[in-house]
Structures are given as structure tokens and as C-alpha cells.
C-alpha atoms as a PDB file:
ATOM      1  CA  MET A   1       0.007  -3.666 -15.495  1.00  0.00           C
ATOM      2  CA  GLN A   2       4.019  -2.908 -15.617  1.00  0.00           C
ATOM      3  CA  LYS A   3       6.471  -5.544 -14.273  1.00  0.00           C
ATOM      4  CA  VAL A   4       8.320  -5.613 -10.583  1.00  0.00           C
ATOM      5  CA  ASP A   5      11.802  -5.593 -10.777  1.00  0.00           C
ATOM      6  CA  ILE A   6      12.502  -8.161  -7.272  1.00  0.00           C
ATOM      7  CA  ILE A   7      15.693  -8.342  -6.769  1.00  0.00           C
ATOM      8  CA  TYR A   8      15.628 -10.713  -3.783  1.00  0.00           C
ATOM      9  CA  GLU A   9      13.072 -12.083  -2.361  1.00  0.00           C
ATOM     10  CA  ASP A  10      12.065 -14.780   0.737  1.00  0.00           C
ATOM     11  CA  GLU A  11       9.220 -16.165   2.962  1.00  0.00           C
ATOM     12  CA  ASN A  12       8.919 -12.504   4.867  1.00  0.00           C
ATOM     13  CA  ILE A  13      10.462 -10.113   2.593  1.00  0.00           C
ATOM     14  CA  LEU A  14      10.685  -9.139  -1.086  1.00  0.00           C
ATOM     15  CA  ALA A  15      12.803  -6.110  -2.048  1.00  0.00           C
ATOM     16  CA  VAL A  16      11.925  -4.315  -5.485  1.00  0.00           C
ATOM     17  CA  ASN A  17      14.391  -1.897  -7.645  1.00  0.00           C
ATOM     18  CA  LYS A  18      12.011   0.841  -7.703  1.00  0.00           C
ATOM     19  CA  PRO A  19      12.043   2.532 -11.212  1.00  0.00           C
ATOM     20  CA  SER A  20      11.977   6.354 -11.433  1.00  0.00           C
ATOM     21  CA  GLY A  21       8.740   7.924 -11.917  1.00  0.00           C
ATOM     22  CA  PHE A  22       6.203   6.203  -9.683  1.00  0.00           C
ATOM     23  CA  SER A  23       5.991   6.928  -6.350  1.00  0.00           C
ATOM     24  CA  VAL A  24       5.935   4.694  -3.830  1.00  0.00           C
ATOM     25  CA  PHE A  25       1.917   4.749  -2.381  1.00  0.00           C
ATOM     26  CA  PRO A  26      -0.560   6.632  -2.895  1.00  0.00           C
ATOM     27  CA  GLU A  27      -0.120  10.621  -0.670  1.00  0.00           C
ATOM     28  CA  GLY A  28      -2.595  13.581  -0.976  1.00  0.00           C
ATOM     29  CA  GLU A  29      -4.478  13.346  -3.886  1.00  0.00           C
ATOM     30  CA  GLU A  30      -1.982  12.145  -6.484  1.00  0.00           C
ATOM     31  CA  LYS A  31      -3.636  10.469  -8.879  1.00  0.00           C
ATOM     32  CA  GLY A  32      -1.568   7.487 -11.506  1.00  0.00           C
ATOM     33  CA  VAL A  33      -0.232   4.048 -10.722  1.00  0.00           C
ATOM     34  CA  ALA A  34       1.774   3.971  -7.654  1.00  0.00           C
ATOM     35  CA  LEU A  35       4.293   0.830  -6.696  1.00  0.00           C
ATOM     36  CA  ILE A  36       1.840  -0.926  -4.583  1.00  0.00           C
ATOM     37  CA  ASP A  37      -0.427  -1.439  -6.947  1.00  0.00           C
ATOM     38  CA  LEU A  38       2.152  -2.725  -8.936  1.00  0.00           C
ATOM     39  CA  LEU A  39       2.854  -5.327  -5.902  1.00  0.00           C
ATOM     40  CA  VAL A  40      -0.282  -6.209  -5.222  1.00  0.00           C
ATOM     41  CA  ASP A  41      -1.293  -6.986  -8.648  1.00  0.00           C
ATOM     42  CA  GLU A  42       1.502  -9.400  -8.742  1.00  0.00           C
ATOM     43  CA  PHE A  43       1.183 -10.738  -4.807  1.00  0.00           C
ATOM     44  CA  PRO A  44      -2.318  -9.926  -3.897  1.00  0.00           C
ATOM     45  CA  GLU A  45      -1.088 -11.631  -0.623  1.00  0.00           C
ATOM     46  CA  LEU A  46       0.740  -7.894   0.474  1.00  0.00           C
ATOM     47  CA  LYS A  47      -3.018  -6.776   1.036  1.00  0.00           C
ATOM     48  CA  LYS A  48      -2.829  -8.961   4.421  1.00  0.00           C
ATOM     49  CA  SER A  49       0.394  -7.312   5.784  1.00  0.00           C
ATOM     50  CA  GLY A  50      -0.447  -3.829   7.181  1.00  0.00           C
ATOM     51  CA  GLU A  51      -3.466  -0.747   5.953  1.00  0.00           C
ATOM     52  CA  PRO A  52      -4.014   0.281   2.241  1.00  0.00           C
ATOM     53  CA  PRO A  53      -2.690   2.365   0.786  1.00  0.00           C
ATOM     54  CA  ARG A  54       1.063   1.247   2.023  1.00  0.00           C
ATOM     55  CA  TYR A  55       0.358  -2.508   2.810  1.00  0.00           C
ATOM     56  CA  GLY A  56       3.475  -4.575   2.906  1.00  0.00           C
ATOM     57  CA  ILE A  57       5.796  -0.743   2.736  1.00  0.00           C
ATOM     58  CA  VAL A  58       8.674  -0.863   4.926  1.00  0.00           C
ATOM     59  CA  HIS A  59       9.844   2.979   3.965  1.00  0.00           C
ATOM     60  CA  ARG A  60      10.294   5.103   1.372  1.00  0.00           C
ATOM     61  CA  LEU A  61      11.874   5.960  -1.592  1.00  0.00           C
ATOM     62  CA  ASP A  62      11.225   9.602  -3.590  1.00  0.00           C
ATOM     63  CA  LYS A  63       8.971   9.392  -6.352  1.00  0.00           C
ATOM     64  CA  LYS A  64      12.165  10.257  -9.032  1.00  0.00           C
ATOM     65  CA  THR A  65      14.462   7.993  -6.765  1.00  0.00           C
ATOM     66  CA  SER A  66      15.718   4.783  -8.057  1.00  0.00           C
ATOM     67  CA  GLY A  67      16.297   1.333  -5.867  1.00  0.00           C
ATOM     68  CA  VAL A  68      16.291  -0.625  -3.188  1.00  0.00           C
ATOM     69  CA  LEU A  69      13.200  -0.669  -1.074  1.00  0.00           C
ATOM     70  CA  LEU A  70      11.626  -3.060   1.478  1.00  0.00           C
ATOM     71  CA  VAL A  71       8.217  -4.976   1.410  1.00  0.00           C
ATOM     72  CA  ALA A  72       7.019  -6.964   4.371  1.00  0.00           C
ATOM     73  CA  LYS A  73       4.813  -9.966   3.251  1.00  0.00           C
ATOM     74  CA  ASP A  74       3.153 -10.345   6.965  1.00  0.00           C
ATOM     75  CA  ASN A  75       2.356  -8.042   9.557  1.00  0.00           C
ATOM     76  CA  SER A  76       5.328  -9.540  11.795  1.00  0.00           C
ATOM     77  CA  THR A  77       7.966  -8.981   9.382  1.00  0.00           C
ATOM     78  CA  LEU A  78       6.476  -5.253   8.910  1.00  0.00           C
ATOM     79  CA  GLU A  79       6.984  -4.587  13.185  1.00  0.00           C
ATOM     80  CA  PHE A  80       9.731  -5.536  12.815  1.00  0.00           C
ATOM     81  CA  LEU A  81      11.631  -3.891  10.541  1.00  0.00           C
ATOM     82  CA  GLN A  82       9.742  -0.656  10.848  1.00  0.00           C
ATOM     83  CA  GLU A  83      11.580  -1.274  14.337  1.00  0.00           C
ATOM     84  CA  LYS A  84      14.722  -1.336  12.660  1.00  0.00           C
ATOM     85  CA  PHE A  85      14.190   1.579  10.974  1.00  0.00           C
ATOM     86  CA  LYS A  86      12.878   3.286  14.439  1.00  0.00           C
ATOM     87  CA  LYS A  87      15.971   2.523  15.911  1.00  0.00           C
ATOM     88  CA  GLY A  88      18.368   3.087  13.369  1.00  0.00           C
ATOM     89  CA  GLU A  89      19.988  -0.681  13.048  1.00  0.00           C
ATOM     90  CA  VAL A  90      19.804  -0.703   8.782  1.00  0.00           C
ATOM     91  CA  GLU A  91      22.890   0.939   6.468  1.00  0.00           C
ATOM     92  CA  LYS A  92      21.475   2.301   3.361  1.00  0.00           C
ATOM     93  CA  ARG A  93      23.827   3.293   1.217  1.00  0.00           C
ATOM     94  CA  TYR A  94      23.205   6.223  -1.605  1.00  0.00           C
ATOM     95  CA  ILE A  95      25.203   7.350  -4.788  1.00  0.00           C
ATOM     96  CA  ALA A  96      24.120  10.566  -6.380  1.00  0.00           C
ATOM     97  CA  LEU A  97      25.893  12.930  -8.974  1.00  0.00           C
ATOM     98  CA  CYS A  98      25.773  16.888  -7.413  1.00  0.00           C
ATOM     99  CA  TYR A  99      26.327  20.214  -9.200  1.00  0.00           C
ATOM    100  CA  GLY A 100      29.413  20.765  -8.553  1.00  0.00           C
ATOM    101  CA  LEU A 101      33.344  20.783  -7.742  1.00  0.00           C
ATOM    102  CA  ILE A 102      33.044  19.038  -3.952  1.00  0.00           C
ATOM    103  CA  PRO A 103      36.486  19.848  -2.137  1.00  0.00           C
ATOM    104  CA  TYR A 104      36.620  17.465   0.429  1.00  0.00           C
ATOM    105  CA  LYS A 105      36.666  13.547   0.479  1.00  0.00           C
ATOM    106  CA  THR A 106      34.573  12.251   2.936  1.00  0.00           C
ATOM    107  CA  GLY A 107      31.999  15.003   5.252  1.00  0.00           C
ATOM    108  CA  VAL A 108      29.067  14.705   8.173  1.00  0.00           C
ATOM    109  CA  ILE A 109      26.579  17.039   7.199  1.00  0.00           C
ATOM    110  CA  GLU A 110      24.394  17.192  10.522  1.00  0.00           C
ATOM    111  CA  THR A 111      21.289  19.385  10.824  1.00  0.00           C
ATOM    112  CA  LEU A 112      18.334  19.956  11.956  1.00  0.00           C
ATOM    113  CA  MET A 113      15.542  19.339   9.578  1.00  0.00           C
ATOM    114  CA  ALA A 114      11.854  20.511   9.342  1.00  0.00           C
ATOM    115  CA  ARG A 115       9.342  21.712   6.588  1.00  0.00           C
ATOM    116  CA  SER A 116      10.676  24.963   4.601  1.00  0.00           C
ATOM    117  CA  PRO A 117       8.347  28.003   5.658  1.00  0.00           C
ATOM    118  CA  LYS A 118       8.417  29.290   2.157  1.00  0.00           C
ATOM    119  CA  ASP A 119       8.093  26.001   0.167  1.00  0.00           C
ATOM    120  CA  ARG A 120       5.973  23.656   2.030  1.00  0.00           C
ATOM    121  CA  ARG A 121       6.803  21.057  -0.777  1.00  0.00           C
ATOM    122  CA  LYS A 122      10.336  21.277   0.254  1.00  0.00           C
ATOM    123  CA  GLN A 123      11.969  20.511   3.990  1.00  0.00           C
ATOM    124  CA  LYS A 124      15.051  23.064   5.096  1.00  0.00           C
ATOM    125  CA  ALA A 125      17.612  22.244   7.022  1.00  0.00           C
ATOM    126  CA  TYR A 126      18.916  24.730  10.037  1.00  0.00           C
ATOM    127  CA  PRO A 127      21.948  24.386  12.427  1.00  0.00           C
ATOM    128  CA  LEU A 128      21.832  22.394  15.002  1.00  0.00           C
ATOM    129  CA  TYR A 129      21.900  25.285  17.573  1.00  0.00           C
ATOM    130  CA  ASP A 130      18.995  27.102  16.376  1.00  0.00           C
ATOM    131  CA  ILE A 131      16.842  27.268  19.796  1.00  0.00           C
ATOM    132  CA  LEU A 132      13.914  28.943  17.706  1.00  0.00           C
ATOM    133  CA  ILE A 133      13.340  25.551  15.530  1.00  0.00           C
ATOM    134  CA  LYS A 134      14.426  22.913  18.195  1.00  0.00           C
ATOM    135  CA  GLY A 135      11.080  21.055  19.090  1.00  0.00           C
ATOM    136  CA  LYS A 136       9.933  21.356  15.891  1.00  0.00           C
ATOM    137  CA  ALA A 137      12.753  20.384  13.651  1.00  0.00           C
ATOM    138  CA  ARG A 138      14.655  17.116  13.893  1.00  0.00           C
ATOM    139  CA  LYS A 139      17.968  15.448  13.981  1.00  0.00           C
ATOM    140  CA  ALA A 140      19.285  14.222  10.509  1.00  0.00           C
ATOM    141  CA  ILE A 141      22.987  13.077   9.962  1.00  0.00           C
ATOM    142  CA  THR A 142      24.235  12.069   6.129  1.00  0.00           C
ATOM    143  CA  HIS A 143      27.592  10.787   5.748  1.00  0.00           C
ATOM    144  CA  TYR A 144      29.454  11.502   1.793  1.00  0.00           C
ATOM    145  CA  ARG A 145      32.652  10.010  -0.062  1.00  0.00           C
ATOM    146  CA  VAL A 146      33.824  11.369  -3.097  1.00  0.00           C
ATOM    147  CA  LEU A 147      34.017   8.916  -5.071  1.00  0.00           C
ATOM    148  CA  LYS A 148      35.149  10.888  -9.167  1.00  0.00           C
ATOM    149  CA  LYS A 149      35.015  14.051  -9.964  1.00  0.00           C
ATOM    150  CA  ILE A 150      33.876  14.784 -13.897  1.00  0.00           C
ATOM    151  CA  GLN A 151      33.317  17.990 -15.475  1.00  0.00           C
ATOM    152  CA  ASN A 152      31.538  19.922 -12.759  1.00  0.00           C
ATOM    153  CA  TYR A 153      30.607  17.621 -11.390  1.00  0.00           C
ATOM    154  CA  THR A 154      31.218  15.198  -7.856  1.00  0.00           C
ATOM    155  CA  LEU A 155      30.285  11.942  -7.750  1.00  0.00           C
ATOM    156  CA  ILE A 156      29.249  10.710  -4.128  1.00  0.00           C
ATOM    157  CA  GLU A 157      28.570   8.001  -1.830  1.00  0.00           C
ATOM    158  CA  LEU A 158      25.968   8.573   0.812  1.00  0.00           C
ATOM    159  CA  VAL A 159      24.924   6.841   3.709  1.00  0.00           C
ATOM    160  CA  ILE A 160      22.191   8.432   5.954  1.00  0.00           C
ATOM    161  CA  LEU A 161      21.507   7.832   9.686  1.00  0.00           C
ATOM    162  CA  THR A 162      18.824   9.569   9.966  1.00  0.00           C
ATOM    163  CA  GLY A 163      15.307   8.439   7.412  1.00  0.00           C
ATOM    164  CA  ARG A 164      14.180  12.217   6.769  1.00  0.00           C
ATOM    165  CA  LYS A 165      11.839  13.327   4.411  1.00  0.00           C
ATOM    166  CA  HIS A 166      14.179  14.348   1.132  1.00  0.00           C
ATOM    167  CA  GLN A 167      17.202  14.300   3.523  1.00  0.00           C
ATOM    168  CA  ILE A 168      19.128  13.629   1.038  1.00  0.00           C
ATOM    169  CA  ARG A 169      18.386  16.143  -1.652  1.00  0.00           C
ATOM    170  CA  CYS A 170      17.836  18.955   1.526  1.00  0.00           C
ATOM    171  CA  HIS A 171      21.368  18.108   3.205  1.00  0.00           C
ATOM    172  CA  MET A 172      23.444  18.484  -0.432  1.00  0.00           C
ATOM    173  CA  ALA A 173      21.517  21.558  -1.780  1.00  0.00           C
ATOM    174  CA  HIS A 174      22.006  22.648   1.590  1.00  0.00           C
ATOM    175  CA  LEU A 175      25.424  22.175   1.483  1.00  0.00           C
ATOM    176  CA  GLY A 176      26.119  24.091  -1.870  1.00  0.00           C
ATOM    177  CA  TYR A 177      25.798  21.186  -4.241  1.00  0.00           C
ATOM    178  CA  PRO A 178      22.015  19.974  -4.710  1.00  0.00           C
ATOM    179  CA  ILE A 179      21.476  16.739  -6.771  1.00  0.00           C
ATOM    180  CA  ALA A 180      21.589  16.775 -10.675  1.00  0.00           C
ATOM    181  CA  GLY A 181      18.418  16.960 -12.080  1.00  0.00           C
ATOM    182  CA  ASP A 182      16.553  17.830  -8.668  1.00  0.00           C
ATOM    183  CA  ASP A 183      13.959  20.352  -9.781  1.00  0.00           C
ATOM    184  CA  LEU A 184      12.685  21.141  -6.479  1.00  0.00           C
ATOM    185  CA  TYR A 185      15.889  21.349  -4.525  1.00  0.00           C
ATOM    186  CA  GLY A 186      18.100  22.764  -7.569  1.00  0.00           C
ATOM    187  CA  PHE A 187      19.704  25.655  -7.451  1.00  0.00           C
ATOM    188  CA  ARG A 188      18.467  27.884 -10.764  1.00  0.00           C
ATOM    189  CA  ASP A 189      21.404  28.727 -11.473  1.00  0.00           C
ATOM    190  CA  THR A 190      22.606  25.302 -12.380  1.00  0.00           C
ATOM    191  CA  GLU A 191      23.458  23.855 -15.617  1.00  0.00           C
ATOM    192  CA  THR A 192      20.402  20.853 -17.118  1.00  0.00           C
ATOM    193  CA  VAL A 193      22.754  17.714 -17.461  1.00  0.00           C
ATOM    194  CA  GLU A 194      21.477  16.563 -21.559  1.00  0.00           C
ATOM    195  CA  GLY A 195      19.588  13.797 -21.294  1.00  0.00           C
ATOM    196  CA  LEU A 196      18.693  13.311 -17.108  1.00  0.00           C
ATOM    197  CA  PHE A 197      15.282  13.862 -16.890  1.00  0.00           C
ATOM    198  CA  ARG A 198      15.295  12.951 -13.147  1.00  0.00           C
ATOM    199  CA  GLN A 199      17.178  13.437  -9.779  1.00  0.00           C
ATOM    200  CA  PHE A 200      20.646  11.181 -10.158  1.00  0.00           C
ATOM    201  CA  LEU A 201      20.080   9.234  -7.047  1.00  0.00           C
ATOM    202  CA  HIS A 202      20.025   5.859  -6.389  1.00  0.00           C
ATOM    203  CA  SER A 203      19.365   4.188  -3.519  1.00  0.00           C
ATOM    204  CA  GLN A 204      22.447   1.470  -3.917  1.00  0.00           C
ATOM    205  CA  GLU A 205      22.492  -0.835  -1.238  1.00  0.00           C
ATOM    206  CA  ILE A 206      20.407  -1.712   2.489  1.00  0.00           C
ATOM    207  CA  VAL A 207      21.772  -4.219   5.768  1.00  0.00           C
ATOM    208  CA  ILE A 208      19.730  -5.192   7.448  1.00  0.00           C
ATOM    209  CA  ASP A 209      18.797  -7.675  10.357  1.00  0.00           C
ATOM    210  CA  THR A 210      15.284  -9.992   9.418  1.00  0.00           C
ATOM    211  CA  PRO A 211      13.810 -12.222  10.694  1.00  0.00           C
ATOM    212  CA  LYS A 212      15.808 -14.878   9.330  1.00  0.00           C
ATOM    213  CA  ILE A 213      19.180 -13.689   8.267  1.00  0.00           C
ATOM    214  CA  LYS A 214      21.548 -11.692  10.390  1.00  0.00           C
ATOM    215  CA  LYS A 215      22.916  -8.377   8.119  1.00  0.00           C
ATOM    216  CA  LYS A 216      21.272  -9.410   5.267  1.00  0.00           C
ATOM    217  CA  LYS A 217      22.877  -7.062   2.462  1.00  0.00           C
ATOM    218  CA  ILE A 218      20.841  -6.334  -0.484  1.00  0.00           C
ATOM    219  CA  TYR A 219      22.338  -4.777  -3.608  1.00  0.00           C
ATOM    220  CA  CYS A 220      21.094  -2.355  -6.587  1.00  0.00           C
ATOM    221  CA  GLU A 221      23.186  -1.684  -9.585  1.00  0.00           C
ATOM    222  CA  LEU A 222      23.341   1.717 -10.792  1.00  0.00           C
ATOM    223  CA  PRO A 223      20.524   2.225 -13.187  1.00  0.00           C
ATOM    224  CA  ASN A 224      20.850   2.219 -17.117  1.00  0.00           C
ATOM    225  CA  ASP A 225      19.794   5.969 -17.721  1.00  0.00           C
ATOM    226  CA  LEU A 226      22.286   7.078 -14.856  1.00  0.00           C
ATOM    227  CA  GLN A 227      25.089   4.876 -16.151  1.00  0.00           C
ATOM    228  CA  LYS A 228      25.016   6.297 -19.458  1.00  0.00           C
ATOM    229  CA  ILE A 229      24.816  10.044 -18.208  1.00  0.00           C
ATOM    230  CA  LEU A 230      27.924   8.775 -16.183  1.00  0.00           C
ATOM    231  CA  ASN A 231      29.562   7.813 -20.033  1.00  0.00           C
ATOM    232  CA  ASN A 232      28.780  10.575 -21.687  1.00  0.00           C
ATOM    233  CA  LEU A 233      30.321  12.756 -19.363  1.00  0.00           C
ATOM    234  CA  GLU A 234      33.128  11.053 -19.025  1.00  0.00           C
ATOM    235  CA  LYS A 235      33.547  11.288 -22.568  1.00  0.00           C
ATOM    236  CA  ASN A 236      32.960  14.274 -23.134  1.00  0.00           C
ATOM    237  CA  GLU A 237      35.393  14.878 -20.251  1.00  0.00           C
END
């Protein structure tokens, strides 16, 4: 079975470099090997942390998103870290490539968010003042900063202050600049990036208090497949 790339480990937590193409844990009728299967195979003690099928998984990343994922080795650490996420006391930083040229250097996207009534696989962003959806949706806040513009794409850094399902993907599509390679939130007329076979979204850094360390920073480099996409785009400018 495939080995998991562990980028940090101590007596309480594991920090995993989640590869694209793996669900974090099985959901619904989904078949195939999930990341938790690989983790439990390598760290059988995780079966004592939390409940199946999640076991020690603290939070989740989408199947086609890569990067930092936290796993707790015991129940008390799992509860401690999940409480940090619940209270918004975690800094989560992402890198994404978006279709289109974003005209602003920085921005804040603040909306309500709920499941799309037209496509149950997706989330939909609503204005904060939408009284018809209030009570049925939750607030979602995303900060972004433009890093560079390459051809007709914009590379951005994002910090999410809330942890809604598909938050970044939904918010960037709502703004009009969907994530490159996103086959769910992408627009029909957006061009295909040659060699990109998944959404260009990477969880690059998490800063969190652990049971033993204040403001522990865990960083994960952009994976080779995404770095290659950037190199090719810059080469052909």
C-alpha cells in the first residue's frame, strides 16, 4: 500500500502532505482507498483516536486538493484541535491558480454559504443581506492576495477564516475567477490548462496551537505537478 508523506510528527499529532486524488475518509457510497486507510495501515494506533471512518482526522481537504492535513494520535488531542478549528483559532493558508486576471492586489470575500439548490454536489454563495437564506446558511470569509499574473491566470494566496465545505472553490467562482482545473465550479467557457488534471489548489500552511506547542507552523511546498504547470505557463508567456 502507498506510503503517506509525513511532514511533521510529535507525540500528539501527525501532519500529512495529502496527495491529490485521495479522499480523506470514505463518504457516502464512494469506493477506493482513502487517505485514512493508508494512515491506519502505517499507524494502527490511530484506531484508538476518534471514531471510524475518520479516526484521528482533525479536518478535511477535498479529494483533488493537496497539502497539509492534521491527524491526532489520541482522543484528547483530537478534541483539543477540533475545538481550535471550531473557534476559528487556526490560520489556514492556501495557494491557488485562478482563471482570469484579478484586478485587485488583495480582497475579502464574505458571504453566506449553503448547498446549491440546483446541484446538490455544490455549495452556493449568497449575499450577507439575503433574508431568505439566513438561518439556512452559514457565514464564510476568505481573504486573498495576488502573488502574480501569468498569461490569463492569477496565482493567489488565500487565508480562510471559516471552514465551509468547498469554501475557496465556491468563493472564487462567485467572484468570477474559478480555480483552474476545477471541473465542478469551473465555467463552461474557461480554457483548459495543458497538463493540469486536477484543481490547482494546495493547502500550503497551517498555524495552530497544539497541546505542547504554541503557534506551531506546519508548511508544505507546492507539489511537483502544480509547480510544473506554473513553470510551463511562465515559459510560454
